[in-house]
């Protein structure tokens, strides 16, 4: 499995986390990259995982002291990430784009 991101890159959440750790549109810097049995995971903030583990998307458990999240919940942050799809459609439909 090839990593989609590198440590230090800025990423943006593309969906809300089921337990509320982040919301769609939240931006983070990648602090660590790791692998579970079936997905690549990223650490995006420094917080001690008091449960000492995490559940993988396949259902198996992994021991960890960090909160790690499936990299598929994120995209690489770009300037365009700041504009939502609906906002972009609104700009286009209102002819607000400047063309040369």
C-alpha atoms as a PDB file:
ATOM      1  CA  UNK A   1       0.000   0.000   0.000  1.00  0.00           C
ATOM      2  CA  UNK A   2       1.500   3.318  -1.095  1.00  0.00           C
ATOM      3  CA  UNK A   3       1.039   6.238   1.294  1.00  0.00           C
ATOM      4  CA  UNK A   4      -1.109   9.056  -0.080  1.00  0.00           C
ATOM      5  CA  UNK A   5       0.535  11.650   2.153  1.00  0.00           C
ATOM      6  CA  UNK A   6       3.903  12.527   3.659  1.00  0.00           C
ATOM      7  CA  UNK A   7       4.742  13.705   7.161  1.00  0.00           C
ATOM      8  CA  UNK A   8       4.429  17.495   7.280  1.00  0.00           C
ATOM      9  CA  UNK A   9       1.887  17.804   4.460  1.00  0.00           C
ATOM     10  CA  UNK A  10      -1.325  19.700   5.072  1.00  0.00           C
ATOM     11  CA  UNK A  11      -4.479  17.606   4.607  1.00  0.00           C
ATOM     12  CA  UNK A  12      -8.188  18.364   4.810  1.00  0.00           C
ATOM     13  CA  UNK A  13     -11.000  16.148   6.104  1.00  0.00           C
ATOM     14  CA  UNK A  14     -13.448  15.134   3.373  1.00  0.00           C
ATOM     15  CA  UNK A  15     -16.056  13.801   5.818  1.00  0.00           C
ATOM     16  CA  UNK A  16     -17.030  14.065   9.463  1.00  0.00           C
ATOM     17  CA  UNK A  17     -15.465  11.555  11.847  1.00  0.00           C
ATOM     18  CA  UNK A  18     -18.106   9.222  13.305  1.00  0.00           C
ATOM     19  CA  UNK A  19     -17.004   9.984  16.884  1.00  0.00           C
ATOM     20  CA  UNK A  20     -16.509  13.717  16.331  1.00  0.00           C
ATOM     21  CA  UNK A  21     -12.703  13.941  16.332  1.00  0.00           C
ATOM     22  CA  UNK A  22     -12.840  16.116  13.196  1.00  0.00           C
ATOM     23  CA  UNK A  23     -15.379  17.590  10.803  1.00  0.00           C
ATOM     24  CA  UNK A  24     -15.442  17.842   7.020  1.00  0.00           C
ATOM     25  CA  UNK A  25     -13.289  20.799   6.011  1.00  0.00           C
ATOM     26  CA  UNK A  26     -10.975  20.709   9.056  1.00  0.00           C
ATOM     27  CA  UNK A  27      -7.311  21.034   8.046  1.00  0.00           C
ATOM     28  CA  UNK A  28      -4.379  19.296   9.758  1.00  0.00           C
ATOM     29  CA  UNK A  29      -0.668  18.680   9.304  1.00  0.00           C
ATOM     30  CA  UNK A  30       0.344  15.020   9.055  1.00  0.00           C
ATOM     31  CA  UNK A  31       2.453  14.177  12.112  1.00  0.00           C
ATOM     32  CA  UNK A  32       2.930  10.441  11.509  1.00  0.00           C
ATOM     33  CA  UNK A  33       2.069   7.794   8.944  1.00  0.00           C
ATOM     34  CA  UNK A  34       1.528   4.171   9.858  1.00  0.00           C
ATOM     35  CA  UNK A  35      -0.142   1.049   8.508  1.00  0.00           C
ATOM     36  CA  UNK A  36      -2.684  -1.304  10.003  1.00  0.00           C
ATOM     37  CA  UNK A  37      -3.428  -4.706   8.544  1.00  0.00           C
ATOM     38  CA  UNK A  38      -5.508  -3.249   5.719  1.00  0.00           C
ATOM     39  CA  UNK A  39      -5.258   0.579   5.540  1.00  0.00           C
ATOM     40  CA  UNK A  40      -2.760   3.416   5.858  1.00  0.00           C
ATOM     41  CA  UNK A  41      -3.445   5.664   8.825  1.00  0.00           C
ATOM     42  CA  UNK A  42      -2.312   9.160   9.789  1.00  0.00           C
ATOM     43  CA  UNK A  43      -1.774  10.895  13.116  1.00  0.00           C
ATOM     44  CA  UNK A  44      -3.025  14.454  12.850  1.00  0.00           C
ATOM     45  CA  UNK A  45      -2.838  15.743  16.420  1.00  0.00           C
ATOM     46  CA  UNK A  46      -0.868  15.069  19.565  1.00  0.00           C
ATOM     47  CA  UNK A  47      -3.174  13.459  22.071  1.00  0.00           C
ATOM     48  CA  UNK A  48      -2.693  10.368  24.176  1.00  0.00           C
ATOM     49  CA  UNK A  49      -5.113   7.577  23.291  1.00  0.00           C
ATOM     50  CA  UNK A  50      -6.156   6.476  26.768  1.00  0.00           C
ATOM     51  CA  UNK A  51      -7.877   3.353  25.454  1.00  0.00           C
ATOM     52  CA  UNK A  52      -4.496   2.115  24.177  1.00  0.00           C
ATOM     53  CA  UNK A  53      -5.908   0.824  20.921  1.00  0.00           C
ATOM     54  CA  UNK A  54      -7.943   1.354  17.802  1.00  0.00           C
ATOM     55  CA  UNK A  55     -10.329  -0.631  15.644  1.00  0.00           C
ATOM     56  CA  UNK A  56      -9.315  -1.133  12.042  1.00  0.00           C
ATOM     57  CA  UNK A  57     -11.866  -0.750   9.242  1.00  0.00           C
ATOM     58  CA  UNK A  58     -11.849  -4.551   8.900  1.00  0.00           C
ATOM     59  CA  UNK A  59     -12.784  -4.893  12.583  1.00  0.00           C
ATOM     60  CA  UNK A  60      -9.500  -6.126  14.066  1.00  0.00           C
ATOM     61  CA  UNK A  61      -7.817  -4.282  16.952  1.00  0.00           C
ATOM     62  CA  UNK A  62      -4.402  -2.581  17.010  1.00  0.00           C
ATOM     63  CA  UNK A  63      -2.466  -1.352  20.031  1.00  0.00           C
ATOM     64  CA  UNK A  64      -1.422   2.299  19.826  1.00  0.00           C
ATOM     65  CA  UNK A  65      -0.837   5.247  22.150  1.00  0.00           C
ATOM     66  CA  UNK A  66      -1.899   7.745  19.457  1.00  0.00           C
ATOM     67  CA  UNK A  67      -5.139   8.560  17.709  1.00  0.00           C
ATOM     68  CA  UNK A  68      -4.711   7.300  14.159  1.00  0.00           C
ATOM     69  CA  UNK A  69      -7.226   7.889  11.373  1.00  0.00           C
ATOM     70  CA  UNK A  70      -7.841   6.219   8.025  1.00  0.00           C
ATOM     71  CA  UNK A  71      -6.080   8.259   5.347  1.00  0.00           C
ATOM     72  CA  UNK A  72      -9.136   7.838   3.100  1.00  0.00           C
ATOM     73  CA  UNK A  73     -10.927  10.376   5.320  1.00  0.00           C
ATOM     74  CA  UNK A  74      -8.625  13.112   3.956  1.00  0.00           C
ATOM     75  CA  UNK A  75      -7.391  14.770   0.786  1.00  0.00           C
ATOM     76  CA  UNK A  76      -4.282  16.801   0.231  1.00  0.00           C
ATOM     77  CA  UNK A  77      -5.013  20.414   1.135  1.00  0.00           C
ATOM     78  CA  UNK A  78      -4.939  22.827  -1.782  1.00  0.00           C
ATOM     79  CA  UNK A  79      -6.069  26.407  -2.045  1.00  0.00           C
ATOM     80  CA  UNK A  80      -9.140  25.137  -3.913  1.00  0.00           C
ATOM     81  CA  UNK A  81     -10.044  23.077  -0.835  1.00  0.00           C
ATOM     82  CA  UNK A  82     -11.118  26.298   0.850  1.00  0.00           C
ATOM     83  CA  UNK A  83     -13.953  26.732  -1.654  1.00  0.00           C
ATOM     84  CA  UNK A  84     -16.706  24.170  -1.443  1.00  0.00           C
ATOM     85  CA  UNK A  85     -18.111  22.523  -4.542  1.00  0.00           C
ATOM     86  CA  UNK A  86     -21.404  24.402  -4.107  1.00  0.00           C
ATOM     87  CA  UNK A  87     -19.576  27.718  -3.755  1.00  0.00           C
ATOM     88  CA  UNK A  88     -17.644  26.991  -6.943  1.00  0.00           C
ATOM     89  CA  UNK A  89     -20.874  26.167  -8.800  1.00  0.00           C
ATOM     90  CA  UNK A  90     -22.417  29.380  -7.511  1.00  0.00           C
ATOM     91  CA  UNK A  91     -19.459  31.414  -8.801  1.00  0.00           C
ATOM     92  CA  UNK A  92     -19.681  29.770 -12.223  1.00  0.00           C
ATOM     93  CA  UNK A  93     -23.459  30.090 -12.471  1.00  0.00           C
ATOM     94  CA  UNK A  94     -23.310  33.779 -11.547  1.00  0.00           C
ATOM     95  CA  UNK A  95     -20.562  34.439 -14.124  1.00  0.00           C
ATOM     96  CA  UNK A  96     -18.293  35.677 -11.369  1.00  0.00           C
ATOM     97  CA  UNK A  97     -15.200  34.117 -12.913  1.00  0.00           C
ATOM     98  CA  UNK A  98     -12.771  36.519 -14.542  1.00  0.00           C
ATOM     99  CA  UNK A  99     -11.487  35.247 -17.878  1.00  0.00           C
ATOM    100  CA  UNK A 100      -8.647  36.641 -19.906  1.00  0.00           C
END
